C-alpha cells in the first residue's frame, strides 16, 4: 500500500473515518444552552465539534499533499497498488455514509425549534463542509487511479492491418454468408 496514503488515513481509512463518525454520534447538539436570545453549544460539545472538524480537515490536508506528490511523480502508477485502491474505495464508501448521517442529523435538527439557533446549525454546517472537502480529495485520488487504468488498457490496443489478402478473404466470407442465407 502507498505509504503516503496509508499515513493520511493513520493506517486504515475505515478505522479513521469510523472514529470520526463515533465522535459525531457522541455530539449532543440537542443539549444547547440558551443565551442572549440564541442557542449555543455547551463548552464540551463545542470542543468535540472542533476536534471533529480538525480531524476531517487534517485528513483532507494529508490527502491533498499525497495528491500533489503523486502529481509531481514520474511514476504515478507506483502509488496505486491493489491495497491502496481498496483503501480508497473503503474511504470513499465511509465518507459518503458519513455525509448521509450528517445530512440526516442536520435536517432533523433544523426542524427542531430548540436547536435551530444559528451557532448550533453553523457548527453542523462546518462539519458537513469539512466532510465534503475530504470526500472531494478522496474522489480526486480515485480519479487519478481511473485515468491510469484507462491509460494502461490503451497500451494494449491491437491494431488491425488491412491487406489485400485479408480483404479478399473478407469478401469471400461475406459472399458465402449471403448465398447460404438466400
N, C-alpha and C. Protein backbone atom coordinates (compact mmCIF):
# COMPACT_ATOMS: atom_id res chain seq x y z
N UNK A 1 0.84 -1.18 0.00
CA UNK A 1 0.00 0.00 0.00
C UNK A 1 0.88 1.24 0.00
N UNK A 2 0.45 2.27 -0.69
CA UNK A 2 1.19 3.52 -0.75
C UNK A 2 1.37 4.08 0.66
N UNK A 3 2.61 4.34 1.02
CA UNK A 3 2.91 4.81 2.38
C UNK A 3 2.26 6.16 2.67
N UNK A 4 2.26 7.04 1.69
CA UNK A 4 1.72 8.39 1.93
C UNK A 4 0.20 8.36 2.11
N UNK A 5 -0.48 7.51 1.36
CA UNK A 5 -1.94 7.41 1.52
C UNK A 5 -2.28 6.69 2.82
N UNK A 6 -1.50 5.67 3.15
CA UNK A 6 -1.70 4.96 4.41
C UNK A 6 -1.50 5.91 5.59
N UNK A 7 -0.47 6.75 5.51
CA UNK A 7 -0.21 7.72 6.58
C UNK A 7 -1.34 8.74 6.71
N UNK A 8 -1.92 9.13 5.58
CA UNK A 8 -3.01 10.10 5.62
C UNK A 8 -4.22 9.55 6.36
N UNK A 9 -4.42 8.24 6.28
CA UNK A 9 -5.53 7.61 6.98
C UNK A 9 -5.11 7.06 8.34
N UNK A 10 -3.92 7.37 8.78
CA UNK A 10 -3.40 6.85 10.04
C UNK A 10 -3.48 5.32 10.07
N UNK A 11 -3.21 4.70 8.94
CA UNK A 11 -3.17 3.25 8.84
C UNK A 11 -4.37 2.63 8.16
N UNK A 12 -5.57 3.06 8.51
CA UNK A 12 -6.78 2.43 7.96
C UNK A 12 -7.87 3.48 7.77
N UNK A 13 -8.37 3.57 6.54
CA UNK A 13 -9.44 4.53 6.25
C UNK A 13 -10.69 4.20 7.06
N UNK A 14 -11.01 2.93 7.14
CA UNK A 14 -12.21 2.51 7.87
C UNK A 14 -12.12 2.91 9.34
N UNK A 15 -10.99 2.62 9.98
CA UNK A 15 -10.83 2.97 11.39
C UNK A 15 -10.84 4.48 11.60
N UNK A 16 -10.15 5.18 10.71
CA UNK A 16 -10.04 6.62 10.84
C UNK A 16 -11.40 7.31 10.71
N UNK A 17 -12.12 6.99 9.66
CA UNK A 17 -13.41 7.64 9.43
C UNK A 17 -14.46 7.14 10.42
N UNK A 18 -14.39 5.87 10.79
CA UNK A 18 -15.32 5.33 11.79
C UNK A 18 -15.14 6.02 13.14
N UNK A 19 -13.90 6.35 13.48
CA UNK A 19 -13.63 7.08 14.72
C UNK A 19 -14.27 8.46 14.71
N UNK A 20 -14.23 9.11 13.56
CA UNK A 20 -14.85 10.44 13.45
C UNK A 20 -16.37 10.31 13.53
N UNK A 21 -16.91 9.28 12.87
CA UNK A 21 -18.36 9.05 12.92
C UNK A 21 -18.81 8.84 14.37
N UNK A 22 -18.04 8.07 15.13
CA UNK A 22 -18.38 7.81 16.53
C UNK A 22 -18.41 9.12 17.33
N UNK A 23 -17.47 10.01 17.03
CA UNK A 23 -17.45 11.30 17.73
C UNK A 23 -18.69 12.13 17.38
N UNK A 24 -19.08 12.10 16.10
CA UNK A 24 -20.28 12.86 15.70
C UNK A 24 -21.51 12.29 16.39
N UNK A 25 -21.57 10.97 16.52
CA UNK A 25 -22.72 10.37 17.18
C UNK A 25 -22.74 10.74 18.67
N UNK A 26 -21.57 10.99 19.24
CA UNK A 26 -21.50 11.38 20.66
C UNK A 26 -21.83 12.86 20.84
N UNK A 27 -21.76 13.61 19.76
CA UNK A 27 -22.04 15.04 19.82
C UNK A 27 -23.52 15.26 20.11
N UNK A 28 -23.80 15.94 21.19
CA UNK A 28 -25.18 16.17 21.59
C UNK A 28 -25.53 17.64 21.35
N UNK A 29 -25.91 17.91 20.13
CA UNK A 29 -26.25 19.29 19.79
C UNK A 29 -27.61 19.68 20.36
N UNK A 30 -28.39 18.67 20.72
CA UNK A 30 -29.70 18.96 21.29
C UNK A 30 -29.57 19.59 22.68
N UNK A 31 -28.42 19.39 23.31
CA UNK A 31 -28.21 19.92 24.66
C UNK A 31 -27.57 21.30 24.59
N UNK A 32 -28.15 22.16 23.81
CA UNK A 32 -27.63 23.51 23.64
C UNK A 32 -28.09 24.39 24.80
N UNK A 33 -27.36 25.46 24.98
CA UNK A 33 -27.70 26.39 26.05
C UNK A 33 -28.30 27.66 25.43
N UNK A 34 -29.24 28.24 26.09
CA UNK A 34 -29.91 29.44 25.60
C UNK A 34 -29.29 30.66 26.27
N UNK A 35 -28.65 31.52 25.47
CA UNK A 35 -28.03 32.75 25.98
C UNK A 35 -28.27 33.86 24.96
N UNK A 36 -28.53 35.03 25.43
CA UNK A 36 -28.67 36.20 24.57
C UNK A 36 -29.61 35.95 23.39
N UNK A 37 -30.75 35.38 23.68
CA UNK A 37 -31.78 35.08 22.66
C UNK A 37 -31.30 34.14 21.57
N UNK A 38 -30.34 33.27 21.87
CA UNK A 38 -29.86 32.31 20.88
C UNK A 38 -29.39 31.05 21.58
N UNK A 39 -29.44 29.93 20.87
CA UNK A 39 -28.96 28.66 21.42
C UNK A 39 -27.49 28.49 21.11
N UNK A 40 -26.72 28.06 22.10
CA UNK A 40 -25.29 27.84 21.94
C UNK A 40 -24.94 26.43 22.40
N UNK A 41 -23.85 25.93 21.85
CA UNK A 41 -23.36 24.62 22.28
C UNK A 41 -22.74 24.73 23.66
N UNK A 42 -22.82 23.66 24.40
CA UNK A 42 -22.10 23.62 25.68
C UNK A 42 -20.61 23.61 25.34
N UNK A 43 -19.79 23.98 26.30
CA UNK A 43 -18.34 24.02 26.06
C UNK A 43 -17.81 22.65 25.64
N UNK A 44 -18.32 21.60 26.27
CA UNK A 44 -17.87 20.24 25.96
C UNK A 44 -18.22 19.87 24.51
N UNK A 45 -19.45 20.16 24.10
CA UNK A 45 -19.87 19.84 22.73
C UNK A 45 -19.16 20.72 21.70
N UNK A 46 -18.92 21.97 22.05
CA UNK A 46 -18.20 22.87 21.15
C UNK A 46 -16.78 22.36 20.93
N UNK A 47 -16.14 21.92 22.00
CA UNK A 47 -14.79 21.38 21.89
C UNK A 47 -14.78 20.11 21.04
N UNK A 48 -15.74 19.23 21.25
CA UNK A 48 -15.84 18.00 20.47
C UNK A 48 -16.09 18.31 18.99
N UNK A 49 -16.94 19.27 18.70
CA UNK A 49 -17.22 19.67 17.32
C UNK A 49 -15.94 20.19 16.65
N UNK A 50 -15.17 20.98 17.38
CA UNK A 50 -13.91 21.49 16.81
C UNK A 50 -12.89 20.38 16.59
N UNK A 51 -12.88 19.37 17.45
CA UNK A 51 -12.00 18.22 17.26
C UNK A 51 -12.39 17.48 15.98
N UNK A 52 -13.69 17.28 15.78
CA UNK A 52 -14.18 16.59 14.58
C UNK A 52 -13.79 17.36 13.32
N UNK A 53 -14.04 18.66 13.33
CA UNK A 53 -13.69 19.50 12.17
C UNK A 53 -12.19 19.44 11.92
N UNK A 54 -11.40 19.52 12.99
CA UNK A 54 -9.94 19.46 12.87
C UNK A 54 -9.46 18.15 12.28
N UNK A 55 -10.05 17.04 12.73
CA UNK A 55 -9.64 15.73 12.21
C UNK A 55 -10.00 15.59 10.73
N UNK A 56 -11.19 16.03 10.35
CA UNK A 56 -11.59 15.97 8.94
C UNK A 56 -10.68 16.84 8.08
N UNK A 57 -10.42 18.07 8.53
CA UNK A 57 -9.55 18.97 7.77
C UNK A 57 -8.12 18.44 7.69
N UNK A 58 -7.64 17.86 8.79
CA UNK A 58 -6.28 17.31 8.82
C UNK A 58 -6.14 16.15 7.83
N UNK A 59 -7.13 15.28 7.81
CA UNK A 59 -7.09 14.15 6.90
C UNK A 59 -7.17 14.62 5.45
N UNK A 60 -8.02 15.59 5.19
CA UNK A 60 -8.14 16.15 3.83
C UNK A 60 -6.82 16.79 3.41
N UNK A 61 -6.18 17.50 4.32
CA UNK A 61 -4.89 18.15 4.01
C UNK A 61 -3.82 17.11 3.69
N UNK A 62 -3.75 16.05 4.48
CA UNK A 62 -2.77 14.99 4.23
C UNK A 62 -3.00 14.34 2.87
N UNK A 63 -4.26 14.12 2.52
CA UNK A 63 -4.57 13.52 1.22
C UNK A 63 -4.29 14.49 0.08
N UNK A 64 -4.49 15.79 0.30
CA UNK A 64 -4.13 16.78 -0.73
C UNK A 64 -2.63 16.77 -0.97
N UNK A 65 -1.86 16.66 0.11
CA UNK A 65 -0.41 16.58 -0.03
C UNK A 65 -0.01 15.32 -0.80
N UNK A 66 -0.67 14.21 -0.52
CA UNK A 66 -0.41 12.97 -1.26
C UNK A 66 -0.75 13.17 -2.73
N UNK A 67 -1.86 13.82 -3.01
CA UNK A 67 -2.28 14.09 -4.38
C UNK A 67 -1.24 14.93 -5.11
N UNK A 68 -0.72 15.96 -4.43
CA UNK A 68 0.33 16.80 -5.04
C UNK A 68 1.59 15.99 -5.32
N UNK A 69 1.99 15.18 -4.35
CA UNK A 69 3.19 14.35 -4.52
C UNK A 69 3.01 13.39 -5.70
N UNK A 70 1.85 12.79 -5.78
CA UNK A 70 1.57 11.85 -6.87
C UNK A 70 1.61 12.59 -8.21
N UNK A 71 1.04 13.79 -8.25
CA UNK A 71 1.04 14.58 -9.48
C UNK A 71 2.43 14.96 -9.95
N UNK A 72 3.35 15.14 -9.03
CA UNK A 72 4.72 15.52 -9.38
C UNK A 72 5.61 14.32 -9.68
N UNK A 73 5.13 13.13 -9.38
CA UNK A 73 5.93 11.92 -9.54
C UNK A 73 6.04 11.51 -11.01
N UNK A 74 7.19 10.96 -11.35
CA UNK A 74 7.40 10.41 -12.70
C UNK A 74 6.78 9.01 -12.80
N UNK A 75 6.52 8.37 -11.67
CA UNK A 75 5.98 7.01 -11.65
C UNK A 75 4.68 6.99 -10.85
N UNK A 76 3.68 7.63 -11.39
CA UNK A 76 2.39 7.77 -10.70
C UNK A 76 1.78 6.41 -10.37
N UNK A 77 1.93 5.46 -11.29
CA UNK A 77 1.31 4.15 -11.09
C UNK A 77 1.85 3.42 -9.86
N UNK A 78 3.05 3.78 -9.40
CA UNK A 78 3.63 3.11 -8.23
C UNK A 78 2.85 3.42 -6.95
N UNK A 79 2.03 4.45 -6.96
CA UNK A 79 1.24 4.82 -5.78
C UNK A 79 -0.07 4.04 -5.67
N UNK A 80 -0.44 3.33 -6.73
CA UNK A 80 -1.76 2.70 -6.78
C UNK A 80 -1.68 1.19 -6.93
N UNK A 81 -1.25 0.53 -5.88
CA UNK A 81 -1.31 -0.94 -5.88
C UNK A 81 -2.72 -1.36 -5.46
N UNK A 82 -2.99 -2.64 -5.47
CA UNK A 82 -4.36 -3.11 -5.17
C UNK A 82 -4.81 -2.75 -3.76
N UNK A 83 -3.90 -2.77 -2.79
CA UNK A 83 -4.27 -2.41 -1.41
C UNK A 83 -4.66 -0.93 -1.31
N UNK A 84 -3.92 -0.08 -2.00
CA UNK A 84 -4.22 1.35 -1.97
C UNK A 84 -5.57 1.62 -2.63
N UNK A 85 -5.81 0.96 -3.76
CA UNK A 85 -7.09 1.13 -4.46
C UNK A 85 -8.24 0.68 -3.56
N UNK A 86 -8.08 -0.46 -2.91
CA UNK A 86 -9.11 -0.95 -1.99
C UNK A 86 -9.34 0.02 -0.84
N UNK A 87 -8.26 0.57 -0.31
CA UNK A 87 -8.37 1.53 0.80
C UNK A 87 -9.11 2.79 0.36
N UNK A 88 -8.85 3.24 -0.87
CA UNK A 88 -9.56 4.41 -1.39
C UNK A 88 -11.06 4.11 -1.57
N UNK A 89 -11.38 2.91 -2.03
CA UNK A 89 -12.79 2.54 -2.16
C UNK A 89 -13.47 2.50 -0.80
N UNK A 90 -12.79 1.96 0.20
CA UNK A 90 -13.34 1.92 1.56
C UNK A 90 -13.53 3.35 2.07
N UNK A 91 -12.52 4.19 1.87
CA UNK A 91 -12.60 5.58 2.33
C UNK A 91 -13.76 6.30 1.66
N UNK A 92 -13.91 6.09 0.36
CA UNK A 92 -14.99 6.73 -0.38
C UNK A 92 -16.36 6.29 0.15
N UNK A 93 -16.50 5.00 0.38
CA UNK A 93 -17.77 4.49 0.92
C UNK A 93 -18.05 5.04 2.31
N UNK A 94 -17.03 5.03 3.16
CA UNK A 94 -17.20 5.52 4.54
C UNK A 94 -17.56 7.00 4.56
N UNK A 95 -16.88 7.81 3.77
CA UNK A 95 -17.13 9.25 3.82
C UNK A 95 -18.51 9.57 3.25
N UNK A 96 -18.95 8.83 2.26
CA UNK A 96 -20.30 9.06 1.71
C UNK A 96 -21.37 8.67 2.74
N UNK A 97 -21.16 7.57 3.44
CA UNK A 97 -22.09 7.18 4.50
C UNK A 97 -22.09 8.22 5.62
N UNK A 98 -20.91 8.71 5.94
CA UNK A 98 -20.76 9.73 6.97
C UNK A 98 -21.55 10.99 6.58
N UNK A 99 -21.45 11.38 5.32
CA UNK A 99 -22.19 12.56 4.86
C UNK A 99 -23.70 12.34 4.95
N UNK A 100 -24.13 11.12 4.68
CA UNK A 100 -25.56 10.83 4.81
C UNK A 100 -26.02 10.97 6.27
N UNK A 101 -25.19 10.49 7.19
CA UNK A 101 -25.50 10.61 8.62
C UNK A 101 -25.56 12.09 9.01
N UNK A 102 -24.56 12.85 8.56
CA UNK A 102 -24.52 14.28 8.88
C UNK A 102 -25.74 15.01 8.32
N UNK A 103 -26.09 14.70 7.07
CA UNK A 103 -27.24 15.36 6.47
C UNK A 103 -28.53 15.03 7.21
N UNK A 104 -28.68 13.76 7.59
CA UNK A 104 -29.87 13.37 8.34
C UNK A 104 -29.93 14.11 9.67
N UNK A 105 -28.80 14.18 10.35
CA UNK A 105 -28.74 14.86 11.65
C UNK A 105 -29.02 16.36 11.48
N UNK A 106 -28.45 16.95 10.44
CA UNK A 106 -28.63 18.38 10.18
C UNK A 106 -30.10 18.71 9.90
N UNK A 107 -30.72 17.94 9.01
CA UNK A 107 -32.10 18.24 8.66
C UNK A 107 -33.07 17.92 9.80
N UNK A 108 -32.76 16.92 10.59
CA UNK A 108 -33.59 16.63 11.76
C UNK A 108 -33.51 17.78 12.76
N UNK A 109 -32.31 18.32 12.92
CA UNK A 109 -32.11 19.42 13.87
C UNK A 109 -32.71 20.72 13.35
N UNK A 110 -32.63 20.94 12.05
CA UNK A 110 -33.13 22.21 11.52
C UNK A 110 -34.64 22.34 11.69
N UNK A 111 -35.33 21.21 11.83
CA UNK A 111 -36.76 21.24 12.07
C UNK A 111 -37.12 21.46 13.52
N UNK A 112 -36.16 21.30 14.40
CA UNK A 112 -36.38 21.47 15.84
C UNK A 112 -36.27 22.94 16.21
N UNK A 113 -37.23 23.43 16.93
CA UNK A 113 -37.18 24.81 17.38
C UNK A 113 -36.07 24.99 18.40
N UNK A 114 -35.86 23.97 19.22
CA UNK A 114 -34.91 24.09 20.33
C UNK A 114 -33.48 24.27 19.84
N UNK A 115 -33.09 23.56 18.78
CA UNK A 115 -31.69 23.62 18.37
C UNK A 115 -31.49 24.37 17.06
N UNK A 116 -32.44 25.18 16.68
CA UNK A 116 -32.30 25.86 15.40
C UNK A 116 -31.50 27.15 15.51
N UNK A 117 -30.84 27.34 16.63
CA UNK A 117 -30.02 28.52 16.79
C UNK A 117 -28.89 28.58 15.78
N UNK A 118 -28.54 29.78 15.39
CA UNK A 118 -27.53 29.96 14.34
C UNK A 118 -26.20 29.32 14.69
N UNK A 119 -25.76 29.43 15.93
CA UNK A 119 -24.44 28.90 16.29
C UNK A 119 -24.41 27.38 16.22
N UNK A 120 -25.49 26.72 16.63
CA UNK A 120 -25.55 25.26 16.59
C UNK A 120 -25.58 24.79 15.14
N UNK A 121 -26.41 25.40 14.33
CA UNK A 121 -26.52 25.00 12.93
C UNK A 121 -25.23 25.34 12.16
N UNK A 122 -24.57 26.41 12.57
CA UNK A 122 -23.30 26.78 11.93
C UNK A 122 -22.24 25.71 12.17
N UNK A 123 -22.19 25.17 13.37
CA UNK A 123 -21.24 24.09 13.68
C UNK A 123 -21.52 22.88 12.81
N UNK A 124 -22.79 22.51 12.69
CA UNK A 124 -23.14 21.37 11.84
C UNK A 124 -22.75 21.63 10.39
N UNK A 125 -22.95 22.85 9.95
CA UNK A 125 -22.59 23.21 8.57
C UNK A 125 -21.08 23.10 8.37
N UNK A 126 -20.31 23.53 9.35
CA UNK A 126 -18.84 23.43 9.26
C UNK A 126 -18.40 21.97 9.20
N UNK A 127 -19.02 21.11 9.98
CA UNK A 127 -18.68 19.68 9.96
C UNK A 127 -19.01 19.11 8.59
N UNK A 128 -20.18 19.46 8.06
CA UNK A 128 -20.58 18.96 6.74
C UNK A 128 -19.62 19.45 5.65
N UNK A 129 -19.18 20.70 5.74
CA UNK A 129 -18.25 21.24 4.74
C UNK A 129 -16.90 20.53 4.82
N UNK A 130 -16.42 20.26 6.01
CA UNK A 130 -15.15 19.55 6.17
C UNK A 130 -15.25 18.13 5.63
N UNK A 131 -16.37 17.47 5.86
CA UNK A 131 -16.58 16.12 5.31
C UNK A 131 -16.61 16.16 3.79
N UNK A 132 -17.24 17.18 3.22
CA UNK A 132 -17.31 17.31 1.76
C UNK A 132 -15.92 17.53 1.16
N UNK A 133 -15.08 18.30 1.85
CA UNK A 133 -13.70 18.51 1.37
C UNK A 133 -12.93 17.20 1.36
N UNK A 134 -13.11 16.41 2.40
CA UNK A 134 -12.43 15.12 2.47
C UNK A 134 -12.93 14.20 1.35
N UNK A 135 -14.23 14.19 1.12
CA UNK A 135 -14.78 13.36 0.05
C UNK A 135 -14.22 13.78 -1.31
N UNK A 136 -14.10 15.09 -1.53
CA UNK A 136 -13.58 15.58 -2.82
C UNK A 136 -12.15 15.13 -3.05
N UNK A 137 -11.31 15.21 -2.05
CA UNK A 137 -9.91 14.82 -2.25
C UNK A 137 -9.79 13.30 -2.43
N UNK A 138 -10.63 12.52 -1.75
CA UNK A 138 -10.64 11.07 -1.97
C UNK A 138 -11.08 10.80 -3.40
N UNK A 139 -12.09 11.52 -3.86
CA UNK A 139 -12.56 11.38 -5.24
C UNK A 139 -11.49 11.75 -6.25
N UNK A 140 -10.70 12.78 -5.95
CA UNK A 140 -9.61 13.18 -6.85
C UNK A 140 -8.57 12.08 -6.97
N UNK A 141 -8.22 11.46 -5.86
CA UNK A 141 -7.25 10.36 -5.89
C UNK A 141 -7.80 9.17 -6.67
N UNK A 142 -9.08 8.88 -6.48
CA UNK A 142 -9.69 7.78 -7.23
C UNK A 142 -9.74 8.10 -8.72
N UNK A 143 -9.90 9.36 -9.05
CA UNK A 143 -9.92 9.78 -10.45
C UNK A 143 -8.56 9.56 -11.11
N UNK A 144 -7.50 9.84 -10.39
CA UNK A 144 -6.15 9.59 -10.91
C UNK A 144 -5.98 8.11 -11.20
N UNK A 145 -6.44 7.28 -10.27
CA UNK A 145 -6.32 5.83 -10.45
C UNK A 145 -7.12 5.38 -11.67
N UNK A 146 -8.33 5.91 -11.84
CA UNK A 146 -9.16 5.55 -13.01
C UNK A 146 -8.47 5.96 -14.31
N UNK A 147 -7.87 7.14 -14.32
CA UNK A 147 -7.16 7.61 -15.52
C UNK A 147 -5.99 6.69 -15.84
N UNK A 148 -5.29 6.24 -14.81
CA UNK A 148 -4.18 5.30 -15.02
C UNK A 148 -4.69 3.98 -15.58
N UNK A 149 -5.81 3.52 -15.06
CA UNK A 149 -6.37 2.25 -15.53
C UNK A 149 -6.76 2.36 -17.00
N UNK A 150 -7.39 3.45 -17.39
CA UNK A 150 -7.78 3.66 -18.79
C UNK A 150 -6.53 3.76 -19.67
N UNK A 151 -5.53 4.49 -19.20
CA UNK A 151 -4.29 4.63 -19.97
C UNK A 151 -3.60 3.29 -20.14
N UNK A 152 -3.61 2.45 -19.12
CA UNK A 152 -2.92 1.17 -19.22
C UNK A 152 -3.66 0.21 -20.15
N UNK A 153 -4.98 0.30 -20.24
CA UNK A 153 -5.70 -0.57 -21.18
C UNK A 153 -5.48 -0.13 -22.61
N UNK A 154 -5.22 1.15 -22.83
CA UNK A 154 -4.96 1.65 -24.18
C UNK A 154 -3.59 1.22 -24.69
N UNK A 155 -2.68 0.85 -23.81
CA UNK A 155 -1.35 0.40 -24.22
C UNK A 155 -1.43 -0.87 -25.06
N UNK A 156 -2.44 -1.68 -24.78
CA UNK A 156 -2.50 -2.99 -25.39
C UNK A 156 -3.53 -3.08 -26.51
N UNK A 157 -3.96 -1.94 -27.04
CA UNK A 157 -4.91 -1.98 -28.15
C UNK A 157 -4.26 -2.66 -29.34
N UNK A 158 -4.97 -3.60 -29.87
CA UNK A 158 -4.43 -4.29 -31.04
C UNK A 158 -4.77 -3.47 -32.28
N UNK A 159 -3.90 -3.51 -33.21
CA UNK A 159 -4.16 -2.80 -34.46
C UNK A 159 -4.48 -3.84 -35.53
N UNK A 160 -5.38 -3.48 -36.39
CA UNK A 160 -5.78 -4.38 -37.47
C UNK A 160 -5.25 -3.80 -38.76
N UNK A 161 -4.35 -4.53 -39.36
CA UNK A 161 -3.76 -4.08 -40.61
C UNK A 161 -4.54 -4.70 -41.77
N UNK A 162 -5.06 -3.85 -42.62
CA UNK A 162 -5.86 -4.31 -43.75
C UNK A 162 -4.94 -4.53 -44.95
N UNK A 163 -4.84 -5.78 -45.37
CA UNK A 163 -4.05 -6.12 -46.56
C UNK A 163 -4.99 -6.62 -47.64
N UNK A 164 -4.50 -6.68 -48.87
CA UNK A 164 -5.35 -7.14 -49.98
C UNK A 164 -5.77 -8.59 -49.77
N UNK A 165 -4.91 -9.39 -49.18
CA UNK A 165 -5.25 -10.79 -48.90
C UNK A 165 -6.42 -10.89 -47.91
N UNK A 166 -6.38 -10.05 -46.86
CA UNK A 166 -7.44 -10.05 -45.86
C UNK A 166 -8.75 -9.52 -46.45
N UNK A 167 -8.66 -8.54 -47.33
CA UNK A 167 -9.86 -8.01 -47.98
C UNK A 167 -10.51 -9.08 -48.84
N UNK A 168 -9.70 -9.83 -49.59
CA UNK A 168 -10.22 -10.90 -50.44
C UNK A 168 -10.91 -11.96 -49.59
N UNK A 169 -10.30 -12.36 -48.48
CA UNK A 169 -10.91 -13.36 -47.60
C UNK A 169 -12.22 -12.85 -47.00
N UNK A 170 -12.26 -11.57 -46.64
CA UNK A 170 -13.46 -10.97 -46.08
C UNK A 170 -14.59 -10.95 -47.11
N UNK A 171 -14.26 -10.60 -48.37
CA UNK A 171 -15.27 -10.60 -49.44
C UNK A 171 -15.83 -11.99 -49.66
N UNK A 172 -14.94 -12.99 -49.70
CA UNK A 172 -15.38 -14.37 -49.92
C UNK A 172 -16.28 -14.85 -48.77
N UNK A 173 -15.92 -14.52 -47.55
CA UNK A 173 -16.73 -14.92 -46.40
C UNK A 173 -18.09 -14.24 -46.43
N UNK A 174 -18.12 -12.97 -46.81
CA UNK A 174 -19.39 -12.24 -46.90
C UNK A 174 -20.29 -12.84 -47.98
N UNK A 175 -19.70 -13.11 -49.15
CA UNK A 175 -20.48 -13.71 -50.25
C UNK A 175 -21.01 -15.08 -49.85
N UNK A 176 -20.19 -15.87 -49.16
CA UNK A 176 -20.63 -17.20 -48.73
C UNK A 176 -21.77 -17.09 -47.73
N UNK A 177 -21.71 -16.12 -46.85
CA UNK A 177 -22.77 -15.93 -45.86
C UNK A 177 -24.06 -15.49 -46.53
N UNK A 178 -23.96 -14.63 -47.54
CA UNK A 178 -25.15 -14.13 -48.24
C UNK A 178 -25.81 -15.26 -49.03
N UNK A 179 -25.00 -16.06 -49.75
CA UNK A 179 -25.57 -17.14 -50.57
C UNK A 179 -26.15 -18.25 -49.70
N UNK A 180 -25.60 -18.48 -48.54
CA UNK A 180 -26.13 -19.54 -47.68
C UNK A 180 -27.47 -19.16 -47.06
N UNK A 181 -27.74 -17.87 -46.88
CA UNK A 181 -29.00 -17.40 -46.30
C UNK A 181 -30.06 -17.15 -47.36
N UNK A 182 -29.69 -17.20 -48.64
CA UNK A 182 -30.66 -16.93 -49.71
C UNK A 182 -31.45 -18.13 -50.08
